[in-house]
Protein backbone atom coordinates (compact mmCIF):
# COMPACT_ATOMS: atom_id res chain seq x y z
CA MET A 1 52.12 49.63 115.77
CA THR A 2 50.57 48.08 118.63
CA VAL A 3 50.55 49.91 122.21
CA ILE A 4 50.68 48.12 125.60
CA THR A 5 47.76 49.80 127.62
CA SER A 6 47.72 47.56 130.36
CA ARG A 7 50.09 47.41 133.65
CA SER A 8 49.19 43.55 134.11
CA ASN A 9 51.25 43.10 130.75
CA PRO A 10 53.78 40.21 131.57
CA LYS A 11 56.48 41.92 130.00
CA ILE A 12 55.53 44.92 131.82
CA LYS A 13 55.29 43.00 134.84
CA LEU A 14 58.95 41.98 134.47
CA ALA A 15 60.13 45.21 134.08
CA ARG A 16 58.70 46.54 136.81
CA ALA A 17 60.13 43.71 138.84
CA LEU A 18 63.53 44.48 137.73
CA ARG A 19 63.53 46.84 140.52
CA GLN A 20 64.05 44.47 143.16
CA ARG A 21 67.78 43.06 143.42
CA LYS A 22 66.46 39.54 143.58
CA THR A 23 64.92 39.75 140.12
CA ARG A 24 68.12 41.62 138.50
CA GLN A 25 70.37 38.45 139.80
CA GLU A 26 68.15 35.55 138.49
CA SER A 27 67.34 37.20 135.03
CA GLY A 28 70.62 38.89 134.78
CA LEU A 29 68.79 41.93 133.24
CA PHE A 30 68.73 45.59 134.73
CA LEU A 31 66.64 48.90 133.95
CA VAL A 32 68.27 51.85 132.40
CA GLU A 33 65.71 54.99 132.48
CA GLY A 34 66.19 58.38 130.73
CA ILE A 35 67.27 59.70 127.23
CA HIS A 36 71.06 60.42 128.29
CA HIS A 37 71.48 57.00 130.23
CA VAL A 38 69.74 55.09 127.17
CA GLY A 39 71.92 56.53 124.48
CA GLN A 40 74.84 55.46 126.20
CA ALA A 41 73.86 51.51 126.29
CA VAL A 42 73.05 52.03 122.67
CA GLU A 43 76.15 53.90 121.87
CA ALA A 44 78.21 50.90 124.11
CA SER A 45 76.12 48.15 122.36
CA ARG A 46 77.25 49.20 119.15
CA SER A 47 80.82 47.92 119.99
CA GLY A 48 80.20 45.26 122.12
CA GLY A 49 79.85 47.24 125.51
CA CYS A 50 76.86 45.94 126.61
CA GLU A 51 73.48 43.62 125.02
CA ILE A 52 70.18 45.79 125.21
CA ASP A 53 67.71 43.06 125.57
CA SER A 54 64.46 45.53 124.57
CA LEU A 55 63.25 48.92 124.83
CA TYR A 56 59.94 50.12 126.19
CA TYR A 57 59.04 53.79 125.05
CA ALA A 58 55.92 56.07 125.36
CA PRO A 59 55.29 57.82 122.33
CA ASP A 60 53.25 60.66 124.23
CA LEU A 61 55.82 61.30 126.41
CA LEU A 62 59.17 61.23 123.72
CA SER A 63 59.50 65.05 123.06
CA SER A 64 63.07 64.54 122.19
CA ALA A 65 64.35 64.21 118.52
CA TYR A 66 67.20 61.80 119.55
CA ALA A 67 64.98 59.70 122.03
CA ARG A 68 62.96 58.75 118.81
CA GLU A 69 66.28 58.34 116.55
CA LEU A 70 67.18 56.11 119.63
CA VAL A 71 64.11 53.68 119.17
CA GLU A 72 64.38 54.03 115.26
CA ALA A 73 67.80 52.68 115.62
CA LEU A 74 67.07 49.73 117.88
CA GLN A 75 64.05 48.97 115.81
CA GLN A 76 65.95 48.83 112.44
CA ARG A 77 68.66 46.62 114.29
CA GLY A 78 65.79 44.38 115.51
CA THR A 79 65.90 45.01 119.03
CA PRO A 80 62.35 44.30 120.46
CA CYS A 81 60.78 48.12 121.14
CA HIS A 82 57.47 48.17 122.80
CA ALA A 83 55.29 51.15 122.60
CA VAL A 84 53.47 51.75 125.67
CA THR A 85 50.78 54.32 127.08
CA ALA A 86 51.93 56.98 129.24
CA GLU A 87 50.14 55.80 132.04
CA VAL A 88 51.87 52.13 131.86
CA PHE A 89 54.93 53.72 131.34
CA THR A 90 55.14 56.09 134.75
CA SER A 91 54.13 52.83 136.41
CA LEU A 92 57.80 51.71 134.95
CA ALA A 93 59.68 54.56 135.60
CA GLU A 94 61.18 55.75 139.17
CA LYS A 95 61.59 58.85 138.43
CA GLU A 96 58.88 61.49 138.45
CA ASN A 97 58.19 63.52 134.98
CA PRO A 98 59.55 60.43 132.97
CA GLN A 99 61.22 61.06 129.52
CA GLY A 100 59.53 58.48 128.05
CA ILE A 101 62.27 56.08 127.31
CA LEU A 102 63.70 52.78 129.31
CA ALA A 103 66.00 50.05 128.27
CA ILE A 104 66.22 46.41 129.61
CA VAL A 105 70.13 45.59 129.42
CA ARG A 106 72.13 42.36 129.83
CA GLN A 107 74.29 42.35 132.89
CA HIS A 108 78.30 41.29 132.13
CA ALA A 109 79.49 38.07 133.71
CA TYR A 110 83.04 39.27 134.92
CA THR A 111 84.75 37.44 137.16
CA LEU A 112 88.31 38.07 138.86
CA GLU A 113 89.64 35.15 136.61
CA ASN A 114 88.90 37.60 133.37
CA LEU A 115 91.32 40.06 134.88
CA THR A 116 94.92 40.43 134.24
CA PRO A 117 97.65 42.98 134.69
CA GLN A 118 97.80 43.05 131.01
CA ASN A 119 93.49 44.06 130.63
CA PHE A 120 92.95 45.58 134.46
CA PRO A 121 96.33 47.65 135.07
CA TRP A 122 94.62 49.44 138.02
CA GLY A 123 91.36 49.59 139.18
CA VAL A 124 89.70 50.26 142.73
CA ALA A 125 88.38 47.65 144.90
CA LEU A 126 85.63 48.60 147.81
CA VAL A 127 84.43 46.29 150.95
CA ALA A 128 81.22 46.00 151.51
CA PRO A 129 79.96 49.49 150.04
CA GLN A 130 76.27 50.12 150.93
CA ASP A 131 75.17 53.09 148.85
CA PRO A 132 74.43 52.88 145.10
CA GLY A 133 75.16 56.37 144.21
CA ASN A 134 78.77 55.85 145.56
CA VAL A 135 79.43 52.58 143.61
CA GLY A 136 77.69 54.60 140.39
CA SER A 137 79.94 57.52 141.41
CA ILE A 138 83.14 56.05 141.82
CA LEU A 139 82.56 54.03 138.13
CA ARG A 140 82.58 57.71 136.76
CA THR A 141 85.42 58.51 138.26
CA ILE A 142 87.15 55.42 137.04
CA ASP A 143 86.19 56.24 133.81
CA ALA A 144 87.53 59.57 134.05
CA VAL A 145 90.92 58.92 135.14
CA GLY A 146 91.19 56.10 132.92
CA ALA A 147 91.43 53.08 135.37
CA SER A 148 90.34 50.06 134.60
CA GLY A 149 87.18 48.88 136.15
CA LEU A 150 85.57 47.89 139.74
CA LEU A 151 85.95 45.45 142.43
CA LEU A 152 82.93 44.99 144.87
CA LEU A 153 84.19 42.84 147.57
CA GLU A 154 82.25 40.83 150.54
CA ASN A 155 78.37 41.96 150.75
CA SER A 156 78.25 45.20 148.70
CA ALA A 157 75.49 47.50 147.20
CA ASP A 158 73.97 46.15 143.62
CA PRO A 159 76.03 48.16 140.73
CA TYR A 160 73.01 47.30 138.33
CA HIS A 161 70.43 48.81 141.19
CA PRO A 162 68.46 52.16 139.26
CA GLY A 163 70.81 54.58 141.54
CA ALA A 164 74.02 53.00 140.59
CA VAL A 165 73.14 52.96 136.96
CA ARG A 166 71.73 56.74 136.95
CA ALA A 167 75.38 58.05 139.03
CA SER A 168 77.32 56.14 136.90
CA MET A 169 76.30 57.89 133.90
CA GLY A 170 76.43 55.54 131.29
CA THR A 171 80.27 54.39 132.26
CA LEU A 172 79.07 51.30 134.05
CA PHE A 173 78.63 50.00 130.18
CA TRP A 174 81.84 50.37 129.58
CA TYR A 175 83.96 48.81 132.42
CA PRO A 176 84.08 45.31 134.29
CA VAL A 177 82.51 45.48 137.41
CA VAL A 178 83.41 42.14 139.74
CA SER A 179 81.95 41.03 142.69
CA ALA A 180 84.12 38.90 145.33
CA SER A 181 85.03 37.51 148.40
CA PHE A 182 87.82 39.49 150.16
CA ALA A 183 89.61 36.11 150.65
CA ALA A 184 89.33 35.33 146.84
CA PHE A 185 90.21 39.14 146.03
CA THR A 186 93.51 38.63 148.23
CA ALA A 187 94.64 35.49 146.32
CA TRP A 188 94.10 37.28 143.05
CA ALA A 189 95.81 39.97 143.63
CA ARG A 190 98.99 38.68 145.47
CA ARG A 191 99.13 35.95 142.05
CA HIS A 192 99.17 38.65 140.11
CA GLY A 193 101.67 40.86 142.03
CA TYR A 194 98.95 43.90 142.21
CA HIS A 195 100.35 46.72 144.63
CA ILE A 196 97.39 47.37 146.94
CA TYR A 197 96.95 51.09 148.61
CA GLY A 198 94.28 51.06 151.56
CA THR A 199 92.99 54.31 152.97
CA SER A 200 92.54 54.85 156.87
CA ALA A 201 91.86 57.72 158.73
CA HIS A 202 94.81 56.69 161.10
CA GLY A 203 97.19 55.85 157.95
CA SER A 204 100.76 56.21 158.46
CA GLN A 205 101.07 58.59 155.49
CA ASP A 206 99.72 61.52 154.10
CA TYR A 207 98.45 60.88 150.77
CA ARG A 208 100.21 63.91 149.16
CA GLU A 209 103.51 62.23 150.30
CA VAL A 210 103.24 59.35 148.02
CA GLN A 211 105.19 59.87 145.27
CA ALA A 212 105.15 56.69 143.07
CA TYR A 213 102.25 54.38 142.31
CA PRO A 214 103.73 51.62 140.07
CA TYR A 215 101.33 49.17 137.90
CA PRO A 216 99.48 46.89 138.45
CA ARG A 217 97.81 48.64 141.29
CA ILE A 218 94.80 48.71 143.33
CA LEU A 219 93.30 51.51 145.31
CA LEU A 220 91.37 49.56 148.45
CA MET A 221 88.75 51.39 150.05
CA GLY A 222 87.04 50.33 153.14
CA SER A 223 82.61 50.65 153.58
CA GLU A 224 81.13 53.74 154.12
CA ARG A 225 80.77 53.29 158.20
CA GLU A 226 83.65 50.90 158.94
CA GLY A 227 86.21 51.48 157.15
CA LEU A 228 89.09 49.15 156.68
CA SER A 229 89.30 46.21 159.10
CA ALA A 230 92.93 44.91 160.72
CA GLU A 231 92.66 42.07 158.43
CA GLN A 232 92.14 44.08 155.35
CA ARG A 233 94.86 46.45 156.08
CA GLN A 234 97.43 43.69 156.50
CA ILE A 235 97.31 43.19 152.62
CA CYS A 236 98.04 46.76 152.12
CA GLU A 237 101.14 48.01 150.91
CA GLN A 238 100.42 51.32 151.89
CA ILE A 239 97.84 53.16 153.99
CA ILE A 240 97.03 56.67 153.19
CA ARG A 241 94.95 58.75 155.11
CA LEU A 242 93.46 62.20 153.86
CA PRO A 243 93.79 65.20 155.99
CA MET A 244 90.62 66.45 157.63
CA GLN A 245 91.04 70.19 158.84
CA GLY A 246 87.16 70.36 160.05
CA HIS A 247 84.87 68.75 162.34
CA SER A 248 84.18 65.83 160.19
CA SER A 249 86.12 62.27 160.39
CA SER A 250 86.11 61.67 157.02
CA LEU A 251 84.97 62.29 153.37
CA ASN A 252 81.79 60.74 151.70
CA LEU A 253 83.22 57.27 149.91
CA ALA A 254 82.98 58.58 146.42
CA VAL A 255 84.57 61.99 147.33
CA ALA A 256 87.66 60.36 148.88
CA THR A 257 87.79 57.56 146.03
CA GLY A 258 88.06 60.54 143.62
CA VAL A 259 90.33 62.35 145.36
CA LEU A 260 92.87 59.61 145.54
CA LEU A 261 92.44 57.98 142.27
CA TYR A 262 93.61 61.52 141.03
CA HIS A 263 96.76 61.45 142.74
CA MET A 264 97.25 57.96 141.72
CA LEU A 265 96.70 59.48 138.01
CA GLU A 266 98.96 62.18 138.76
CA ASN A 267 101.52 59.95 140.72
CA GLY A 268 101.98 57.11 138.78
CA PRO A 269 103.18 55.47 134.92
CA GLN A 270 101.02 57.26 132.27
C-alpha cells in the first residue's frame, strides 16, 4: 500500500482546493467528510444516487470497523482509494479531530427542465439563501416529509459547501437540487401549473388556517434578511404567515421551512 506523505501532492492539492466554491464549480466535484456522511454517499452510490470519484483515508486515524469496511467496499468496486498520513489528512479535514475518511463526489447536473409534476410533485424554492447550513438543514427536512427536492433561486449559498453537505446528513445525495433564476423558475412553475405558497410576516393568512395544499405545489421562502419581494409575492397563490408571540419578528429560515413543510404534509394529498 502506497501512502501519500506530502501535502504538496497534486491529488491532495486538488482535494484541498475543493474547499473553494470556484473549484467546486469548475470541477463539478465536492468534498464529503466523516464516517456517517461517507457511508451515506456509498449507500446512495449503490443505487445511482451519487457517483464517488475517489476516497482519501488515514489508516492511523481509522478506529472504526465500519469506516474500514467502507474503504474495502470502494476498493473492491474499483474506486480510487488513497491512503495518506495523519498529518496530510489533517490538512484536508475541516473539522478538528478528524475521523480519517473523506470522499470526493461528483455533483448532479439537474436543471428545471428535468423536473415535472410527475417526478417533482412538491418541493421548496429558496430565494437567495446565504447560510449553507440552512440549505443543508432544509434538505434534511425535505427528506423527512417526503418532498421531492430543492430549488435555489438567484445568488444562493452553494449546496455543495462543506457546511451544507454536513447539515444535510447525507440527504443531498438523494434529491435533486437545482439552481435557477427567479424568472426561469416563474416560467417553469406556470408552465406546469404549480401552486405556489409564499411566506411573509405580513401574510394575509395564518398558516394554521390553510386547510389544503393541492399538488403540484411549491413552498417559496425568501432570503434570511430580505424575505420575499413584492414581485416575488405576486406569483404566489397564497401568502401565509407564522405567528410570532415573542420579541423576535421572524424564525430561522430552516426552522420556518420545517414548520411549514410539516403543515403541508398534514394538509395535502398523500
